[in-house]
Amino acid sequence: MILALVVPLALVLGLLVLSIRVLREYERGVVFFLGRFQAVKGPGLILVIPVIQQMVRVDLRLITLDVPSQDVISQDNVTVRVNAVLYFRVVDPEKAIIQVEDYYNATSQLAQTTLRSVLGKHDLDEMLSERDRLNDDIQSILDSQTDSWGIKVANVEIKHVDLDDTMIRAIARQAEAERERRAKVIHAEGELQAAAKLTEAADVLSGSPQALQLRYLQTMSDMTNKNASTVIFPFPFDLMGAFTGAAGAGRKAPPRDVAGERTGGGGA
């Protein structure tokens, strides 16, 4: 009689123990009843009847997926190796279990093919200088394609763009040539500005003799401050103007008619 009571009780307790499931806060359980989808349960304590019901755990935390290095041929026919990291999470456990067999592997394969197809449409310079825009393009494509799987792609980051030694040397030469070009342009712009300022200063000095005299005295002061054996004799500008005026008057005087003077003398 006691055995007849103990055995069913033990079976009930064992069945109850097997039916108990505890789901953490970041977990959900997709429950199937005789093979058909029944509900998404959790978190906390739930009961799953053995044999009749089955449960698949789904992690809702952000998953970090390392995309393996991919050989990419850029639009300008340069072969590079690119790897990236992908951040995604499951937002709909029902779709993640029912719509795709293995959502982790499917997302990884899709990320690899999308990485090659998107980067192959851009030049090498864009891969190196516009990573933010490329990351956004890859993220938007992956997010739209994995939406039917119940997956949300949060972010995509291109980690490395590896080049061969030949391309590295070519890029170094290109960067050096660009720096030299910028230096020459800056030097030419400086010369142009200096010439404009010198022309402006010459116009000011030519219109003001006092300013020219002050500049002359300043130049003399600068020359005497240096350790040189040069002897300077100041020459007044007013005296120079007098000499210049006399020379100009001499050039403007009409020439004397020597033959006429001789002819007049003979008549007298």
Protein backbone atom coordinates (compact mmCIF):
# COMPACT_ATOMS: atom_id res chain seq x y z
CA MET A 1 0.00 0.00 0.00
CA ILE A 2 2.83 2.41 0.91
CA LEU A 3 4.72 1.46 -2.23
CA ALA A 4 1.68 2.17 -4.32
CA LEU A 5 1.59 5.70 -2.90
CA VAL A 6 5.30 6.42 -3.01
CA VAL A 7 5.85 5.49 -6.65
CA PRO A 8 3.20 7.84 -8.12
CA LEU A 9 4.33 10.60 -5.78
CA ALA A 10 7.93 10.16 -6.86
CA LEU A 11 6.89 10.26 -10.50
CA VAL A 12 4.94 13.45 -9.93
CA LEU A 13 7.85 15.09 -8.10
CA GLY A 14 10.29 14.00 -10.77
CA LEU A 15 8.02 15.31 -13.50
CA LEU A 16 7.67 18.61 -11.62
CA VAL A 17 11.42 18.95 -11.23
CA LEU A 18 11.94 18.29 -14.93
CA SER A 19 9.26 20.84 -15.79
CA ILE A 20 10.80 23.71 -13.85
CA ARG A 21 12.80 26.24 -15.89
CA VAL A 22 14.42 29.41 -14.58
CA LEU A 23 15.12 32.15 -17.08
CA ARG A 24 17.39 35.07 -16.26
CA GLU A 25 16.45 38.68 -16.87
CA TYR A 26 18.25 38.76 -20.22
CA GLU A 27 16.82 35.41 -21.40
CA ARG A 28 13.57 34.41 -23.06
CA GLY A 29 12.15 30.95 -23.71
CA VAL A 30 10.45 30.09 -27.01
CA VAL A 31 7.99 27.32 -26.06
CA PHE A 32 6.63 24.80 -28.56
CA PHE A 33 3.60 22.62 -27.82
CA LEU A 34 3.77 19.36 -29.76
CA GLY A 35 5.98 21.04 -32.34
CA ARG A 36 3.85 24.15 -32.75
CA PHE A 37 4.85 27.56 -31.49
CA GLN A 38 2.97 28.35 -28.30
CA ALA A 39 4.47 31.43 -26.59
CA VAL A 40 7.56 33.35 -25.59
CA LYS A 41 8.00 33.11 -21.83
CA GLY A 42 10.28 34.58 -19.23
CA PRO A 43 12.08 35.86 -17.38
CA GLY A 44 11.63 34.05 -14.07
CA LEU A 45 10.22 30.62 -13.18
CA ILE A 46 8.23 28.79 -15.87
CA LEU A 47 6.92 25.23 -16.25
CA VAL A 48 7.56 23.16 -19.35
CA ILE A 49 5.89 19.77 -19.54
CA PRO A 50 8.44 17.19 -20.67
CA VAL A 51 7.88 15.49 -24.03
CA ILE A 52 4.78 17.57 -24.74
CA GLN A 53 6.48 20.95 -24.61
CA GLN A 54 9.94 22.04 -25.70
CA MET A 55 11.71 25.30 -24.91
CA VAL A 56 14.56 27.08 -26.70
CA ARG A 57 16.53 29.69 -24.77
CA VAL A 58 17.33 32.97 -26.48
CA ASP A 59 19.85 35.51 -25.17
CA LEU A 60 18.72 39.15 -25.58
CA ARG A 61 22.06 40.73 -24.72
CA LEU A 62 24.21 42.58 -27.22
CA ILE A 63 26.37 40.10 -29.13
CA THR A 64 29.83 40.96 -30.43
CA LEU A 65 30.61 39.27 -33.73
CA ASP A 66 34.15 39.40 -35.13
CA VAL A 67 33.88 39.37 -38.93
CA PRO A 68 36.85 37.45 -40.39
CA SER A 69 39.27 39.20 -42.73
CA GLN A 70 37.92 39.47 -46.26
CA ASP A 71 39.80 39.98 -49.53
CA VAL A 72 38.25 43.04 -51.17
CA ILE A 73 39.01 44.48 -54.60
CA SER A 74 38.34 48.20 -54.54
CA GLN A 75 36.85 50.17 -57.40
CA ASP A 76 40.34 51.30 -58.46
CA ASN A 77 41.52 47.63 -58.64
CA VAL A 78 43.48 47.53 -55.37
CA THR A 79 43.34 44.30 -53.36
CA VAL A 80 43.12 44.77 -49.60
CA ARG A 81 42.22 42.64 -46.59
CA VAL A 82 39.53 44.10 -44.39
CA ASN A 83 38.08 42.88 -41.12
CA ALA A 84 35.33 44.35 -38.98
CA VAL A 85 33.36 43.89 -35.79
CA LEU A 86 29.56 43.69 -35.66
CA TYR A 87 27.28 44.41 -32.70
CA PHE A 88 23.75 43.00 -32.81
CA ARG A 89 21.04 41.64 -30.52
CA VAL A 90 17.83 39.64 -30.77
CA VAL A 91 14.71 41.79 -30.46
CA ASP A 92 12.13 39.15 -31.48
CA PRO A 93 12.92 35.67 -30.10
CA GLU A 94 10.10 34.05 -32.05
CA LYS A 95 11.49 35.15 -35.44
CA ALA A 96 15.08 34.42 -34.41
CA ILE A 97 14.19 30.77 -33.73
CA ILE A 98 11.54 30.10 -36.36
CA GLN A 99 12.63 32.19 -39.37
CA VAL A 100 16.31 31.15 -39.45
CA GLU A 101 18.07 27.96 -38.41
CA ASP A 102 21.11 29.53 -36.72
CA TYR A 103 20.79 33.31 -36.47
CA TYR A 104 24.37 33.75 -35.22
CA ASN A 105 25.96 31.94 -38.17
CA ALA A 106 23.52 33.51 -40.63
CA THR A 107 24.35 37.00 -39.40
CA SER A 108 28.07 36.26 -39.63
CA GLN A 109 27.84 35.05 -43.23
CA LEU A 110 25.66 37.98 -44.24
CA ALA A 111 28.11 40.42 -42.65
CA GLN A 112 31.01 38.95 -44.64
CA THR A 113 29.27 39.17 -47.99
CA THR A 114 27.92 42.66 -47.29
CA LEU A 115 31.38 43.86 -46.26
CA ARG A 116 32.86 42.71 -49.56
CA SER A 117 30.06 44.07 -51.71
CA VAL A 118 29.92 47.51 -50.07
CA LEU A 119 33.67 48.13 -49.92
CA GLY A 120 34.11 46.92 -53.50
CA LYS A 121 32.09 49.93 -54.68
CA HIS A 122 34.55 52.45 -53.24
CA ASP A 123 38.12 53.55 -53.93
CA LEU A 124 41.02 52.85 -51.61
CA ASP A 125 41.16 56.48 -50.51
CA GLU A 126 37.53 56.30 -49.40
CA MET A 127 38.19 53.11 -47.44
CA LEU A 128 40.99 54.83 -45.55
CA SER A 129 39.44 58.26 -45.01
CA GLU A 130 35.67 57.72 -44.90
CA ARG A 131 35.24 54.78 -42.56
CA ASP A 132 32.35 56.36 -40.67
CA ARG A 133 30.24 56.64 -43.81
CA LEU A 134 31.12 53.08 -44.86
CA ASN A 135 30.25 51.79 -41.40
CA ASP A 136 26.84 53.45 -41.62
CA ASP A 137 26.20 51.99 -45.08
CA ILE A 138 27.07 48.45 -43.97
CA GLN A 139 25.03 48.82 -40.77
CA SER A 140 21.91 50.01 -42.61
CA ILE A 141 22.11 47.16 -45.16
CA LEU A 142 22.57 44.49 -42.49
CA ASP A 143 19.83 45.95 -40.31
CA SER A 144 17.30 45.91 -43.14
CA GLN A 145 18.16 42.33 -44.20
CA THR A 146 18.15 40.86 -40.68
CA ASP A 147 14.91 42.56 -39.64
CA SER A 148 12.91 39.52 -40.79
CA TRP A 149 15.04 37.37 -38.46
CA GLY A 150 14.14 39.44 -35.41
CA ILE A 151 17.67 40.85 -35.17
CA LYS A 152 18.72 44.45 -34.68
CA VAL A 153 22.20 45.44 -35.90
CA ALA A 154 23.36 48.15 -33.51
CA ASN A 155 26.73 49.07 -34.99
CA VAL A 156 29.43 48.03 -37.47
CA GLU A 157 33.07 49.09 -37.18
CA ILE A 158 35.80 48.45 -39.76
CA LYS A 159 38.89 47.60 -37.72
CA HIS A 160 41.76 47.15 -40.17
CA VAL A 161 42.44 47.74 -43.85
CA ASP A 162 45.64 45.83 -44.60
CA LEU A 163 47.72 46.70 -47.68
CA ASP A 164 50.73 45.00 -49.23
CA ASP A 165 54.18 46.59 -49.06
CA THR A 166 54.01 47.93 -52.63
CA MET A 167 50.83 49.88 -51.94
CA ILE A 168 52.19 51.18 -48.64
CA ARG A 169 55.26 52.60 -50.40
CA ALA A 170 53.08 54.10 -53.15
CA ILE A 171 50.83 55.78 -50.61
CA ALA A 172 53.87 57.11 -48.75
CA ARG A 173 55.23 58.65 -51.96
CA GLN A 174 51.84 60.14 -52.74
CA ALA A 175 51.59 61.66 -49.26
CA GLU A 176 55.11 63.11 -49.55
CA ALA A 177 54.30 64.64 -52.94
CA GLU A 178 51.12 66.14 -51.52
CA ARG A 179 53.04 67.69 -48.62
CA GLU A 180 55.59 69.19 -51.02
CA ARG A 181 52.80 70.60 -53.18
CA ARG A 182 51.17 72.24 -50.18
CA ALA A 183 54.50 73.68 -49.05
CA LYS A 184 55.13 75.22 -52.47
CA VAL A 185 51.62 76.66 -52.60
CA ILE A 186 51.98 78.17 -49.14
CA HIS A 187 55.39 79.61 -50.04
CA ALA A 188 53.99 81.13 -53.27
CA GLU A 189 51.06 82.64 -51.39
CA GLY A 190 53.47 84.12 -48.88
CA GLU A 191 55.60 85.64 -51.65
CA LEU A 192 52.48 87.10 -53.27
CA GLN A 193 51.31 88.69 -50.03
CA ALA A 194 54.83 90.02 -49.31
CA ALA A 195 55.05 91.56 -52.79
CA ALA A 196 51.67 93.22 -52.34
CA LYS A 197 52.72 94.67 -48.99
CA LEU A 198 56.05 95.89 -50.39
CA THR A 199 54.24 97.59 -53.25
CA GLU A 200 51.89 99.27 -50.80
CA ALA A 201 54.83 100.37 -48.63
CA ALA A 202 56.65 101.79 -51.67
CA ASP A 203 53.58 103.80 -52.61
CA VAL A 204 53.36 105.23 -49.09
CA LEU A 205 57.07 106.11 -48.98
CA SER A 206 57.03 107.72 -52.43
CA GLY A 207 54.24 110.05 -51.36
CA SER A 208 55.85 111.11 -48.07
CA PRO A 209 59.52 112.29 -48.02
CA GLN A 210 59.44 112.37 -44.22
CA ALA A 211 58.53 108.69 -44.10
CA LEU A 212 61.32 107.90 -46.53
CA GLN A 213 63.79 109.83 -44.36
CA LEU A 214 62.65 107.90 -41.27
CA ARG A 215 63.05 104.64 -43.11
CA TYR A 216 66.51 105.65 -44.18
CA LEU A 217 67.48 106.45 -40.60
CA GLN A 218 66.01 103.16 -39.38
CA THR A 219 68.03 101.24 -41.95
CA MET A 220 71.18 103.03 -40.80
CA SER A 221 70.42 102.14 -37.21
CA ASP A 222 69.93 98.48 -38.13
CA MET A 223 73.22 98.40 -40.01
CA THR A 224 75.21 99.99 -37.16
CA ASN A 225 73.82 97.49 -34.65
CA LYS A 226 75.44 94.61 -36.51
CA ASN A 227 79.05 93.53 -36.01
CA ALA A 228 80.36 94.83 -39.31
CA SER A 229 83.15 97.08 -40.47
CA THR A 230 80.92 99.14 -42.77
CA VAL A 231 81.34 102.93 -42.55
CA ILE A 232 78.17 104.90 -43.24
CA PHE A 233 78.10 108.56 -44.31
CA PRO A 234 74.62 110.02 -44.02
CA PHE A 235 73.55 112.02 -47.04
CA PRO A 236 70.66 114.46 -46.54
CA PHE A 237 67.70 113.92 -48.78
CA ASP A 238 67.16 117.68 -49.30
CA LEU A 239 70.68 117.99 -50.69
CA MET A 240 70.05 115.02 -52.95
CA GLY A 241 66.87 116.75 -54.14
CA ALA A 242 68.82 119.91 -54.95
CA PHE A 243 71.33 117.93 -57.02
CA THR A 244 68.53 116.10 -58.73
CA GLY A 245 66.77 119.39 -59.56
CA ALA A 246 69.93 120.95 -60.97
CA ALA A 247 70.60 117.94 -63.14
CA GLY A 248 67.05 118.04 -64.42
CA ALA A 249 67.26 121.77 -65.19
CA GLY A 250 70.47 121.20 -67.11
CA ARG A 251 68.84 118.51 -69.20
CA LYS A 252 65.82 120.73 -69.97
CA ALA A 253 67.90 123.87 -71.13
CA PRO A 254 67.84 124.41 -74.95
CA PRO A 255 71.12 123.75 -76.76
CA ARG A 256 73.22 126.68 -77.92
CA ASP A 257 73.51 127.33 -81.66
CA VAL A 258 77.27 127.44 -82.06
CA ALA A 259 77.15 127.85 -85.82
CA GLY A 260 74.80 130.84 -85.54
CA GLU A 261 77.09 132.62 -83.09
CA ARG A 262 80.03 132.19 -85.38
CA THR A 263 78.06 133.49 -88.35
CA GLY A 264 76.90 136.61 -86.49
CA GLY A 265 80.43 137.42 -85.39
CA GLY A 266 81.70 137.32 -88.97
CA GLY A 267 79.07 139.84 -90.11
CA ALA A 268 80.06 142.33 -87.44
